[in-house]
Amino acid sequence: MEARAVAKYIRVSPQKARLVVDLIRGKRVLDALSILSLTKKKSAGLVTKVIKSAFANAKMNSAIDGDILFIKTVFVDQGPSLKRFRARAQGRSASIKKRTSHITVVLDERL
């Protein structure tokens, strides 16, 4: 039985979020949450919320014991970028891309 949660349009760069996601891939849910609580990155808190949401989805859908759930897959896709510009010298401009992410977590039972 799989449980899934997706957070879309998160205002963090996918490259930075993937650093945090790589720490918890394949771990048990409770272990992953404890690792994320000690990680000093902005995306650690965002990934924690998605894992807790998937955990709640698993509990609602069926009577699964939370101790046997593990993170089957977790990945970060790039969302749309907000395009801004910064004024530069001699009337020129430089573009700034404020990137967004889509974070997906899939939990499964470990037998």
PDB file of N, CA and C in Angstrom:
ATOM      1  N   MET A   1       0.848  -1.183   0.000  1.00  0.00           N
ATOM      2  CA  MET A   1       0.000   0.000   0.000  1.00  0.00           C
ATOM      3  C   MET A   1       0.890   1.242   0.000  1.00  0.00           C
ATOM      4  N   GLU A   2       0.743   2.052  -1.009  1.00  0.00           N
ATOM      5  CA  GLU A   2       1.533   3.275  -1.113  1.00  0.00           C
ATOM      6  C   GLU A   2       0.717   4.480  -0.665  1.00  0.00           C
ATOM      7  N   ALA A   3       1.403   5.420  -0.069  1.00  0.00           N
ATOM      8  CA  ALA A   3       0.804   6.712   0.277  1.00  0.00           C
ATOM      9  C   ALA A   3       1.668   7.785  -0.355  1.00  0.00           C
ATOM     10  N   ARG A   4       1.021   8.840  -0.829  1.00  0.00           N
ATOM     11  CA  ARG A   4       1.731   9.827  -1.638  1.00  0.00           C
ATOM     12  C   ARG A   4       1.315  11.231  -1.213  1.00  0.00           C
ATOM     13  N   ALA A   5       2.255  12.156  -1.307  1.00  0.00           N
ATOM     14  CA  ALA A   5       1.963  13.567  -1.044  1.00  0.00           C
ATOM     15  C   ALA A   5       2.847  14.405  -1.957  1.00  0.00           C
ATOM     16  N   VAL A   6       2.280  15.507  -2.456  1.00  0.00           N
ATOM     17  CA  VAL A   6       2.996  16.399  -3.367  1.00  0.00           C
ATOM     18  C   VAL A   6       2.811  17.832  -2.881  1.00  0.00           C
ATOM     19  N   ALA A   7       3.905  18.568  -2.833  1.00  0.00           N
ATOM     20  CA  ALA A   7       3.846  20.000  -2.543  1.00  0.00           C
ATOM     21  C   ALA A   7       4.325  20.724  -3.787  1.00  0.00           C
ATOM     22  N   LYS A   8       3.497  21.601  -4.315  1.00  0.00           N
ATOM     23  CA  LYS A   8       3.829  22.278  -5.567  1.00  0.00           C
ATOM     24  C   LYS A   8       4.114  23.754  -5.336  1.00  0.00           C
ATOM     25  N   TYR A   9       4.893  24.313  -6.234  1.00  0.00           N
ATOM     26  CA  TYR A   9       5.215  25.745  -6.269  1.00  0.00           C
ATOM     27  C   TYR A   9       5.886  26.222  -4.981  1.00  0.00           C
ATOM     28  N   ILE A  10       6.799  25.413  -4.455  1.00  0.00           N
ATOM     29  CA  ILE A  10       7.533  25.762  -3.249  1.00  0.00           C
ATOM     30  C   ILE A  10       8.666  26.706  -3.625  1.00  0.00           C
ATOM     31  N   ARG A  11       8.811  27.803  -2.903  1.00  0.00           N
ATOM     32  CA  ARG A  11       9.803  28.831  -3.252  1.00  0.00           C
ATOM     33  C   ARG A  11      11.188  28.482  -2.725  1.00  0.00           C
ATOM     34  N   VAL A  12      11.757  27.434  -3.269  1.00  0.00           N
ATOM     35  CA  VAL A  12      13.136  27.061  -2.988  1.00  0.00           C
ATOM     36  C   VAL A  12      13.682  26.449  -4.276  1.00  0.00           C
ATOM     37  N   SER A  13      14.947  26.670  -4.530  1.00  0.00           N
ATOM     38  CA  SER A  13      15.569  26.147  -5.733  1.00  0.00           C
ATOM     39  C   SER A  13      15.593  24.619  -5.698  1.00  0.00           C
ATOM     40  N   PRO A  14      15.284  23.955  -6.813  1.00  0.00           N
ATOM     41  CA  PRO A  14      15.317  22.492  -6.831  1.00  0.00           C
ATOM     42  C   PRO A  14      16.694  21.929  -6.504  1.00  0.00           C
ATOM     43  N   GLN A  15      17.739  22.613  -6.920  1.00  0.00           N
ATOM     44  CA  GLN A  15      19.097  22.157  -6.644  1.00  0.00           C
ATOM     45  C   GLN A  15      19.363  22.117  -5.143  1.00  0.00           C
ATOM     46  N   LYS A  16      18.885  23.117  -4.413  1.00  0.00           N
ATOM     47  CA  LYS A  16      19.067  23.162  -2.965  1.00  0.00           C
ATOM     48  C   LYS A  16      18.175  22.146  -2.256  1.00  0.00           C
ATOM     49  N   ALA A  17      16.972  21.925  -2.771  1.00  0.00           N
ATOM     50  CA  ALA A  17      16.060  20.962  -2.148  1.00  0.00           C
ATOM     51  C   ALA A  17      16.544  19.528  -2.357  1.00  0.00           C
ATOM     52  N   ARG A  18      17.195  19.260  -3.483  1.00  0.00           N
ATOM     53  CA  ARG A  18      17.690  17.906  -3.747  1.00  0.00           C
ATOM     54  C   ARG A  18      18.797  17.507  -2.780  1.00  0.00           C
ATOM     55  N   LEU A  19      19.556  18.477  -2.278  1.00  0.00           N
ATOM     56  CA  LEU A  19      20.582  18.173  -1.286  1.00  0.00           C
ATOM     57  C   LEU A  19      19.970  17.577  -0.024  1.00  0.00           C
ATOM     58  N   VAL A  20      18.830  18.089   0.391  1.00  0.00           N
ATOM     59  CA  VAL A  20      18.155  17.605   1.592  1.00  0.00           C
ATOM     60  C   VAL A  20      17.456  16.284   1.319  1.00  0.00           C
ATOM     61  N   VAL A  21      16.833  16.165   0.153  1.00  0.00           N
ATOM     62  CA  VAL A  21      16.073  14.964  -0.199  1.00  0.00           C
ATOM     63  C   VAL A  21      16.998  13.746  -0.295  1.00  0.00           C
ATOM     64  N   ASP A  22      18.225  13.961  -0.741  1.00  0.00           N
ATOM     65  CA  ASP A  22      19.164  12.849  -0.862  1.00  0.00           C
ATOM     66  C   ASP A  22      19.550  12.253   0.492  1.00  0.00           C
ATOM     67  N   LEU A  23      19.403  13.028   1.560  1.00  0.00           N
ATOM     68  CA  LEU A  23      19.738  12.536   2.893  1.00  0.00           C
ATOM     69  C   LEU A  23      18.767  11.478   3.396  1.00  0.00           C
ATOM     70  N   ILE A  24      17.524  11.510   2.935  1.00  0.00           N
ATOM     71  CA  ILE A  24      16.478  10.686   3.543  1.00  0.00           C
ATOM     72  C   ILE A  24      15.934   9.600   2.627  1.00  0.00           C
ATOM     73  N   ARG A  25      16.395   9.531   1.416  1.00  0.00           N
ATOM     74  CA  ARG A  25      15.859   8.552   0.458  1.00  0.00           C
ATOM     75  C   ARG A  25      16.115   7.130   0.958  1.00  0.00           C
ATOM     76  N   GLY A  26      15.038   6.312   1.037  1.00  0.00           N
ATOM     77  CA  GLY A  26      15.146   4.917   1.455  1.00  0.00           C
ATOM     78  C   GLY A  26      15.103   4.682   2.950  1.00  0.00           C
ATOM     79  N   LYS A  27      14.991   5.715   3.747  1.00  0.00           N
ATOM     80  CA  LYS A  27      14.995   5.575   5.212  1.00  0.00           C
ATOM     81  C   LYS A  27      13.566   5.363   5.731  1.00  0.00           C
ATOM     82  N   ARG A  28      13.485   4.881   6.974  1.00  0.00           N
ATOM     83  CA  ARG A  28      12.179   4.790   7.626  1.00  0.00           C
ATOM     84  C   ARG A  28      11.673   6.205   7.907  1.00  0.00           C
ATOM     85  N   VAL A  29      10.368   6.358   8.003  1.00  0.00           N
ATOM     86  CA  VAL A  29       9.764   7.680   8.147  1.00  0.00           C
ATOM     87  C   VAL A  29      10.224   8.363   9.433  1.00  0.00           C
ATOM     88  N   LEU A  30      10.226   7.642  10.533  1.00  0.00           N
ATOM     89  CA  LEU A  30      10.613   8.253  11.803  1.00  0.00           C
ATOM     90  C   LEU A  30      12.094   8.630  11.806  1.00  0.00           C
ATOM     91  N   ASP A  31      12.929   7.813  11.169  1.00  0.00           N
ATOM     92  CA  ASP A  31      14.351   8.148  11.055  1.00  0.00           C
ATOM     93  C   ASP A  31      14.544   9.379  10.178  1.00  0.00           C
ATOM     94  N   ALA A  32      13.795   9.450   9.086  1.00  0.00           N
ATOM     95  CA  ALA A  32      13.908  10.587   8.170  1.00  0.00           C
ATOM     96  C   ALA A  32      13.491  11.882   8.853  1.00  0.00           C
ATOM     97  N   LEU A  33      12.437  11.835   9.650  1.00  0.00           N
ATOM     98  CA  LEU A  33      11.986  13.036  10.354  1.00  0.00           C
ATOM     99  C   LEU A  33      13.015  13.500  11.384  1.00  0.00           C
ATOM    100  N   SER A  34      13.681  12.556  12.033  1.00  0.00           N
ATOM    101  CA  SER A  34      14.702  12.950  13.003  1.00  0.00           C
ATOM    102  C   SER A  34      15.930  13.527  12.304  1.00  0.00           C
ATOM    103  N   ILE A  35      16.281  13.007  11.132  1.00  0.00           N
ATOM    104  CA  ILE A  35      17.395  13.563  10.360  1.00  0.00           C
ATOM    105  C   ILE A  35      17.064  14.986   9.916  1.00  0.00           C
ATOM    106  N   LEU A  36      15.843  15.183   9.435  1.00  0.00           N
ATOM    107  CA  LEU A  36      15.444  16.507   8.951  1.00  0.00           C
ATOM    108  C   LEU A  36      15.346  17.529  10.072  1.00  0.00           C
ATOM    109  N   SER A  37      15.019  17.068  11.276  1.00  0.00           N
ATOM    110  CA  SER A  37      14.908  18.023  12.379  1.00  0.00           C
ATOM    111  C   SER A  37      16.274  18.597  12.758  1.00  0.00           C
ATOM    112  N   LEU A  38      17.349  17.888  12.428  1.00  0.00           N
ATOM    113  CA  LEU A  38      18.700  18.350  12.741  1.00  0.00           C
ATOM    114  C   LEU A  38      19.402  19.001  11.550  1.00  0.00           C
ATOM    115  N   THR A  39      18.719  19.076  10.413  1.00  0.00           N
ATOM    116  CA  THR A  39      19.313  19.663   9.214  1.00  0.00           C
ATOM    117  C   THR A  39      19.010  21.155   9.175  1.00  0.00           C
ATOM    118  N   LYS A  40      20.054  21.965   8.988  1.00  0.00           N
ATOM    119  CA  LYS A  40      19.895  23.417   9.009  1.00  0.00           C
ATOM    120  C   LYS A  40      19.754  23.974   7.599  1.00  0.00           C
ATOM    121  N   LYS A  41      18.718  23.594   6.911  1.00  0.00           N
ATOM    122  CA  LYS A  41      18.420  24.111   5.579  1.00  0.00           C
ATOM    123  C   LYS A  41      16.951  24.509   5.538  1.00  0.00           C
ATOM    124  N   LYS A  42      16.626  25.492   4.720  1.00  0.00           N
ATOM    125  CA  LYS A  42      15.238  25.923   4.590  1.00  0.00           C
ATOM    126  C   LYS A  42      14.371  24.788   4.052  1.00  0.00           C
ATOM    127  N   SER A  43      14.904  24.052   3.086  1.00  0.00           N
ATOM    128  CA  SER A  43      14.117  23.009   2.450  1.00  0.00           C
ATOM    129  C   SER A  43      13.874  21.815   3.378  1.00  0.00           C
ATOM    130  N   ALA A  44      14.624  21.682   4.464  1.00  0.00           N
ATOM    131  CA  ALA A  44      14.395  20.585   5.412  1.00  0.00           C
ATOM    132  C   ALA A  44      13.017  20.705   6.058  1.00  0.00           C
ATOM    133  N   GLY A  45      12.636  21.914   6.414  1.00  0.00           N
ATOM    134  CA  GLY A  45      11.304  22.117   6.988  1.00  0.00           C
ATOM    135  C   GLY A  45      10.198  21.865   5.989  1.00  0.00           C
ATOM    136  N   LEU A  46      10.431  22.224   4.735  1.00  0.00           N
ATOM    137  CA  LEU A  46       9.425  22.014   3.698  1.00  0.00           C
ATOM    138  C   LEU A  46       9.255  20.531   3.377  1.00  0.00           C
ATOM    139  N   VAL A  47      10.360  19.795   3.323  1.00  0.00           N
ATOM    140  CA  VAL A  47      10.297  18.360   3.062  1.00  0.00           C
ATOM    141  C   VAL A  47       9.645  17.640   4.241  1.00  0.00           C
ATOM    142  N   THR A  48       9.893  18.124   5.449  1.00  0.00           N
ATOM    143  CA  THR A  48       9.260  17.540   6.634  1.00  0.00           C
ATOM    144  C   THR A  48       7.745  17.624   6.546  1.00  0.00           C
ATOM    145  N   LYS A  49       7.236  18.763   6.097  1.00  0.00           N
ATOM    146  CA  LYS A  49       5.790  18.928   5.974  1.00  0.00           C
ATOM    147  C   LYS A  49       5.199  17.962   4.957  1.00  0.00           C
ATOM    148  N   VAL A  50       5.916  17.717   3.864  1.00  0.00           N
ATOM    149  CA  VAL A  50       5.418  16.805   2.835  1.00  0.00           C
ATOM    150  C   VAL A  50       5.434  15.368   3.352  1.00  0.00           C
ATOM    151  N   ILE A  51       6.478  14.993   4.090  1.00  0.00           N
ATOM    152  CA  ILE A  51       6.549  13.637   4.642  1.00  0.00           C
ATOM    153  C   ILE A  51       5.435  13.414   5.662  1.00  0.00           C
ATOM    154  N   LYS A  52       5.182  14.412   6.503  1.00  0.00           N
ATOM    155  CA  LYS A  52       4.103  14.289   7.482  1.00  0.00           C
ATOM    156  C   LYS A  52       2.743  14.182   6.796  1.00  0.00           C
ATOM    157  N   SER A  53       2.574  14.876   5.689  1.00  0.00           N
ATOM    158  CA  SER A  53       1.332  14.792   4.934  1.00  0.00           C
ATOM    159  C   SER A  53       1.144  13.398   4.332  1.00  0.00           C
ATOM    160  N   ALA A  54       2.207  12.833   3.762  1.00  0.00           N
ATOM    161  CA  ALA A  54       2.129  11.480   3.209  1.00  0.00           C
ATOM    162  C   ALA A  54       1.877  10.461   4.305  1.00  0.00           C
ATOM    163  N   PHE A  55       2.476  10.673   5.475  1.00  0.00           N
ATOM    164  CA  PHE A  55       2.271   9.795   6.625  1.00  0.00           C
ATOM    165  C   PHE A  55       0.807   9.832   7.074  1.00  0.00           C
ATOM    166  N   ALA A  56       0.227  11.030   7.107  1.00  0.00           N
ATOM    167  CA  ALA A  56      -1.185  11.169   7.476  1.00  0.00           C
ATOM    168  C   ALA A  56      -2.083  10.529   6.419  1.00  0.00           C
ATOM    169  N   ASN A  57      -1.718  10.669   5.150  1.00  0.00           N
ATOM    170  CA  ASN A  57      -2.491  10.013   4.086  1.00  0.00           C
ATOM    171  C   ASN A  57      -2.465   8.499   4.239  1.00  0.00           C
ATOM    172  N   ALA A  58      -1.322   7.951   4.620  1.00  0.00           N
ATOM    173  CA  ALA A  58      -1.211   6.503   4.813  1.00  0.00           C
ATOM    174  C   ALA A  58      -2.079   6.032   5.966  1.00  0.00           C
ATOM    175  N   LYS A  59      -2.128   6.810   7.030  1.00  0.00           N
ATOM    176  CA  LYS A  59      -2.943   6.420   8.182  1.00  0.00           C
ATOM    177  C   LYS A  59      -4.437   6.523   7.881  1.00  0.00           C
ATOM    178  N   MET A  60      -4.822   7.503   7.059  1.00  0.00           N
ATOM    179  CA  MET A  60      -6.240   7.682   6.728  1.00  0.00           C
ATOM    180  C   MET A  60      -6.734   6.611   5.763  1.00  0.00           C
ATOM    181  N   ASN A  61      -5.904   6.239   4.806  1.00  0.00           N
ATOM    182  CA  ASN A  61      -6.340   5.310   3.766  1.00  0.00           C
ATOM    183  C   ASN A  61      -6.483   3.881   4.277  1.00  0.00           C
ATOM    184  N   SER A  62      -5.631   3.458   5.174  1.00  0.00           N
ATOM    185  CA  SER A  62      -5.730   2.112   5.713  1.00  0.00           C
ATOM    186  C   SER A  62      -5.086   2.079   7.090  1.00  0.00           C
ATOM    187  N   ALA A  63      -5.306   0.966   7.759  1.00  0.00           N
ATOM    188  CA  ALA A  63      -4.750   0.818   9.107  1.00  0.00           C
ATOM    189  C   ALA A  63      -3.322   0.291   9.003  1.00  0.00           C
ATOM    190  N   ILE A  64      -2.392   1.185   8.713  1.00  0.00           N
ATOM    191  CA  ILE A  64      -0.985   0.812   8.559  1.00  0.00           C
ATOM    192  C   ILE A  64      -0.240   1.222   9.821  1.00  0.00           C
ATOM    193  N   ASP A  65       0.648   0.356  10.254  1.00  0.00           N
ATOM    194  CA  ASP A  65       1.501   0.689  11.387  1.00  0.00           C
ATOM    195  C   ASP A  65       2.573   1.660  10.905  1.00  0.00           C
ATOM    196  N   GLY A  66       2.725   2.763  11.605  1.00  0.00           N
ATOM    197  CA  GLY A  66       3.671   3.796  11.197  1.00  0.00           C
ATOM    198  C   GLY A  66       5.124   3.381  11.296  1.00  0.00           C
ATOM    199  N   ASP A  67       5.408   2.314  12.069  1.00  0.00           N
ATOM    200  CA  ASP A  67       6.791   1.881  12.244  1.00  0.00           C
ATOM    201  C   ASP A  67       7.351   1.161  11.021  1.00  0.00           C
ATOM    202  N   ILE A  68       6.478   0.613  10.171  1.00  0.00           N
ATOM    203  CA  ILE A  68       6.975  -0.152   9.027  1.00  0.00           C
ATOM    204  C   ILE A  68       6.975   0.667   7.737  1.00  0.00           C
ATOM    205  N   LEU A  69       6.582   1.929   7.805  1.00  0.00           N
ATOM    206  CA  LEU A  69       6.592   2.763   6.604  1.00  0.00           C
ATOM    207  C   LEU A  69       7.997   3.286   6.329  1.00  0.00           C
ATOM    208  N   PHE A  70       8.384   3.288   5.060  1.00  0.00           N
ATOM    209  CA  PHE A  70       9.659   3.862   4.667  1.00  0.00           C
ATOM    210  C   PHE A  70       9.447   4.720   3.426  1.00  0.00           C
ATOM    211  N   ILE A  71      10.419   5.535   3.124  1.00  0.00           N
ATOM    212  CA  ILE A  71      10.324   6.442   1.987  1.00  0.00           C
ATOM    213  C   ILE A  71      10.758   5.677   0.752  1.00  0.00           C
ATOM    214  N   LYS A  72       9.785   5.304  -0.062  1.00  0.00           N
ATOM    215  CA  LYS A  72      10.065   4.519  -1.260  1.00  0.00           C
ATOM    216  C   LYS A  72      10.737   5.387  -2.321  1.00  0.00           C
ATOM    217  N   THR A  73      10.094   6.496  -2.651  1.00  0.00           N
ATOM    218  CA  THR A  73      10.692   7.442  -3.587  1.00  0.00           C
ATOM    219  C   THR A  73      10.428   8.851  -3.086  1.00  0.00           C
ATOM    220  N   VAL A  74      11.392   9.702  -3.319  1.00  0.00           N
ATOM    221  CA  VAL A  74      11.242  11.123  -3.025  1.00  0.00           C
ATOM    222  C   VAL A  74      12.052  11.864  -4.075  1.00  0.00           C
ATOM    223  N   PHE A  75      11.431  12.835  -4.712  1.00  0.00           N
ATOM    224  CA  PHE A  75      12.142  13.582  -5.746  1.00  0.00           C
ATOM    225  C   PHE A  75      11.641  15.009  -5.808  1.00  0.00           C
ATOM    226  N   VAL A  76      12.463  15.859  -6.407  1.00  0.00           N
ATOM    227  CA  VAL A  76      12.169  17.282  -6.531  1.00  0.00           C
ATOM    228  C   VAL A  76      12.224  17.644  -8.008  1.00  0.00           C
ATOM    229  N   ASP A  77      11.125  18.135  -8.533  1.00  0.00           N
ATOM    230  CA  ASP A  77      11.062  18.610  -9.914  1.00  0.00           C
ATOM    231  C   ASP A  77      11.077  20.129  -9.911  1.00  0.00           C
ATOM    232  N   GLN A  78      11.497  20.681 -11.034  1.00  0.00           N
ATOM    233  CA  GLN A  78      11.519  22.141 -11.152  1.00  0.00           C
ATOM    234  C   GLN A  78      10.147  22.649 -11.552  1.00  0.00           C
ATOM    235  N   GLY A  79       9.696  23.684 -10.854  1.00  0.00           N
ATOM    236  CA  GLY A  79       8.447  24.345 -11.188  1.00  0.00           C
ATOM    237  C   GLY A  79       8.730  25.564 -12.050  1.00  0.00           C
ATOM    238  N   PRO A  80       7.733  26.388 -12.272  1.00  0.00           N
ATOM    239  CA  PRO A  80       7.949  27.597 -13.063  1.00  0.00           C
ATOM    240  C   PRO A  80       8.814  28.609 -12.306  1.00  0.00           C
ATOM    241  N   SER A  81       9.607  29.344 -13.049  1.00  0.00           N
ATOM    242  CA  SER A  81      10.492  30.350 -12.448  1.00  0.00           C
ATOM    243  C   SER A  81       9.839  31.719 -12.518  1.00  0.00           C
ATOM    244  N   LEU A  82       9.954  32.474 -11.424  1.00  0.00           N
ATOM    245  CA  LEU A  82       9.494  33.852 -11.428  1.00  0.00           C
ATOM    246  C   LEU A  82      10.605  34.701 -12.028  1.00  0.00           C
ATOM    247  N   LYS A  83      10.295  35.455 -13.038  1.00  0.00           N
ATOM    248  CA  LYS A  83      11.317  36.229 -13.731  1.00  0.00           C
ATOM    249  C   LYS A  83      11.298  37.672 -13.243  1.00  0.00           C
ATOM    250  N   ARG A  84      12.432  38.108 -12.714  1.00  0.00           N
ATOM    251  CA  ARG A  84      12.594  39.466 -12.221  1.00  0.00           C
ATOM    252  C   ARG A  84      13.819  40.071 -12.886  1.00  0.00           C
ATOM    253  N   PHE A  85      14.023  41.363 -12.707  1.00  0.00           N
ATOM    254  CA  PHE A  85      15.233  41.963 -13.254  1.00  0.00           C
ATOM    255  C   PHE A  85      15.829  42.936 -12.263  1.00  0.00           C
ATOM    256  N   ARG A  86      17.128  43.151 -12.414  1.00  0.00           N
ATOM    257  CA  ARG A  86      17.870  44.066 -11.571  1.00  0.00           C
ATOM    258  C   ARG A  86      18.501  45.117 -12.471  1.00  0.00           C
ATOM    259  N   ALA A  87      18.374  46.363 -12.076  1.00  0.00           N
ATOM    260  CA  ALA A  87      18.958  47.448 -12.863  1.00  0.00           C
ATOM    261  C   ALA A  87      20.478  47.380 -12.789  1.00  0.00           C
ATOM    262  N   ARG A  88      21.120  47.578 -13.935  1.00  0.00           N
ATOM    263  CA  ARG A  88      22.570  47.558 -14.018  1.00  0.00           C
ATOM    264  C   ARG A  88      23.071  48.887 -14.569  1.00  0.00           C
ATOM    265  N   ALA A  89      24.340  48.986 -14.780  1.00  0.00           N
ATOM    266  CA  ALA A  89      24.945  50.236 -15.230  1.00  0.00           C
ATOM    267  C   ALA A  89      24.544  50.570 -16.666  1.00  0.00           C
ATOM    268  N   GLN A  90      24.514  51.863 -16.965  1.00  0.00           N
ATOM    269  CA  GLN A  90      24.270  52.404 -18.299  1.00  0.00           C
ATOM    270  C   GLN A  90      22.919  51.974 -18.875  1.00  0.00           C
ATOM    271  N   GLY A  91      21.908  51.869 -18.004  1.00  0.00           N
ATOM    272  CA  GLY A  91      20.559  51.591 -18.463  1.00  0.00           C
ATOM    273  C   GLY A  91      20.286  50.143 -18.818  1.00  0.00           C
ATOM    274  N   ARG A  92      21.197  49.261 -18.540  1.00  0.00           N
ATOM    275  CA  ARG A  92      20.996  47.843 -18.844  1.00  0.00           C
ATOM    276  C   ARG A  92      20.270  47.164 -17.682  1.00  0.00           C
ATOM    277  N   SER A  93      19.872  45.912 -17.940  1.00  0.00           N
ATOM    278  CA  SER A  93      19.237  45.128 -16.874  1.00  0.00           C
ATOM    279  C   SER A  93      19.804  43.716 -16.903  1.00  0.00           C
ATOM    280  N   ALA A  94      19.764  43.077 -15.767  1.00  0.00           N
ATOM    281  CA  ALA A  94      20.183  41.683 -15.646  1.00  0.00           C
ATOM    282  C   ALA A  94      18.993  40.885 -15.129  1.00  0.00           C
ATOM    283  N   SER A  95      18.768  39.728 -15.724  1.00  0.00           N
ATOM    284  CA  SER A  95      17.604  38.934 -15.329  1.00  0.00           C
ATOM    285  C   SER A  95      17.921  38.106 -14.092  1.00  0.00           C
ATOM    286  N   ILE A  96      16.905  37.925 -13.272  1.00  0.00           N
ATOM    287  CA  ILE A  96      16.992  37.104 -12.069  1.00  0.00           C
ATOM    288  C   ILE A  96      15.865  36.090 -12.153  1.00  0.00           C
ATOM    289  N   LYS A  97      16.192  34.806 -11.978  1.00  0.00           N
ATOM    290  CA  LYS A  97      15.171  33.757 -11.967  1.00  0.00           C
ATOM    291  C   LYS A  97      14.995  33.269 -10.541  1.00  0.00           C
ATOM    292  N   LYS A  98      13.804  33.470 -10.011  1.00  0.00           N
ATOM    293  CA  LYS A  98      13.481  32.960  -8.686  1.00  0.00           C
ATOM    294  C   LYS A  98      12.783  31.616  -8.904  1.00  0.00           C
ATOM    295  N   ARG A  99      13.497  30.558  -8.633  1.00  0.00           N
ATOM    296  CA  ARG A  99      13.045  29.221  -8.998  1.00  0.00           C
ATOM    297  C   ARG A  99      12.079  28.637  -7.959  1.00  0.00           C
ATOM    298  N   THR A 100      11.195  27.761  -8.444  1.00  0.00           N
ATOM    299  CA  THR A 100      10.251  27.059  -7.584  1.00  0.00           C
ATOM    300  C   THR A 100      10.429  25.556  -7.773  1.00  0.00           C
ATOM    301  N   SER A 101       9.889  24.790  -6.829  1.00  0.00           N
ATOM    302  CA  SER A 101      10.063  23.337  -6.825  1.00  0.00           C
ATOM    303  C   SER A 101       8.734  22.640  -6.598  1.00  0.00           C
ATOM    304  N   HIS A 102       8.653  21.404  -7.095  1.00  0.00           N
ATOM    305  CA  HIS A 102       7.566  20.488  -6.785  1.00  0.00           C
ATOM    306  C   HIS A 102       8.203  19.300  -6.052  1.00  0.00           C
ATOM    307  N   ILE A 103       7.809  19.082  -4.788  1.00  0.00           N
ATOM    308  CA  ILE A 103       8.387  18.008  -3.979  1.00  0.00           C
ATOM    309  C   ILE A 103       7.374  16.876  -3.875  1.00  0.00           C
ATOM    310  N   THR A 104       7.798  15.648  -4.228  1.00  0.00           N
ATOM    311  CA  THR A 104       6.926  14.476  -4.205  1.00  0.00           C
ATOM    312  C   THR A 104       7.526  13.416  -3.292  1.00  0.00           C
ATOM    313  N   VAL A 105       6.680  12.872  -2.418  1.00  0.00           N
ATOM    314  CA  VAL A 105       7.102  11.808  -1.490  1.00  0.00           C
ATOM    315  C   VAL A 105       6.140  10.638  -1.624  1.00  0.00           C
ATOM    316  N   VAL A 106       6.691   9.431  -1.776  1.00  0.00           N
ATOM    317  CA  VAL A 106       5.892   8.203  -1.814  1.00  0.00           C
ATOM    318  C   VAL A 106       6.372   7.290  -0.712  1.00  0.00           C
ATOM    319  N   LEU A 107       5.441   6.896   0.165  1.00  0.00           N
ATOM    320  CA  LEU A 107       5.749   5.993   1.279  1.00  0.00           C
ATOM    321  C   LEU A 107       5.208   4.612   0.967  1.00  0.00           C
ATOM    322  N   ASP A 108       5.872   3.589   1.475  1.00  0.00           N
ATOM    323  CA  ASP A 108       5.421   2.215   1.265  1.00  0.00           C
ATOM    324  C   ASP A 108       5.720   1.396   2.516  1.00  0.00           C
ATOM    325  N   GLU A 109       5.117   0.219   2.605  1.00  0.00           N
ATOM    326  CA  GLU A 109       5.338  -0.659   3.739  1.00  0.00           C
ATOM    327  C   GLU A 109       6.577  -1.508   3.496  1.00  0.00           C
ATOM    328  N   ARG A 110       7.390  -1.663   4.512  1.00  0.00           N
ATOM    329  CA  ARG A 110       8.537  -2.558   4.424  1.00  0.00           C
ATOM    330  C   ARG A 110       8.133  -3.867   5.098  1.00  0.00           C
ATOM    331  N   LEU A 111       8.200  -4.926   4.355  1.00  0.00           N
ATOM    332  CA  LEU A 111       7.756  -6.224   4.888  1.00  0.00           C
ATOM    333  C   LEU A 111       8.842  -6.954   5.627  1.00  0.00           C
TER     334      LEU A 111
END
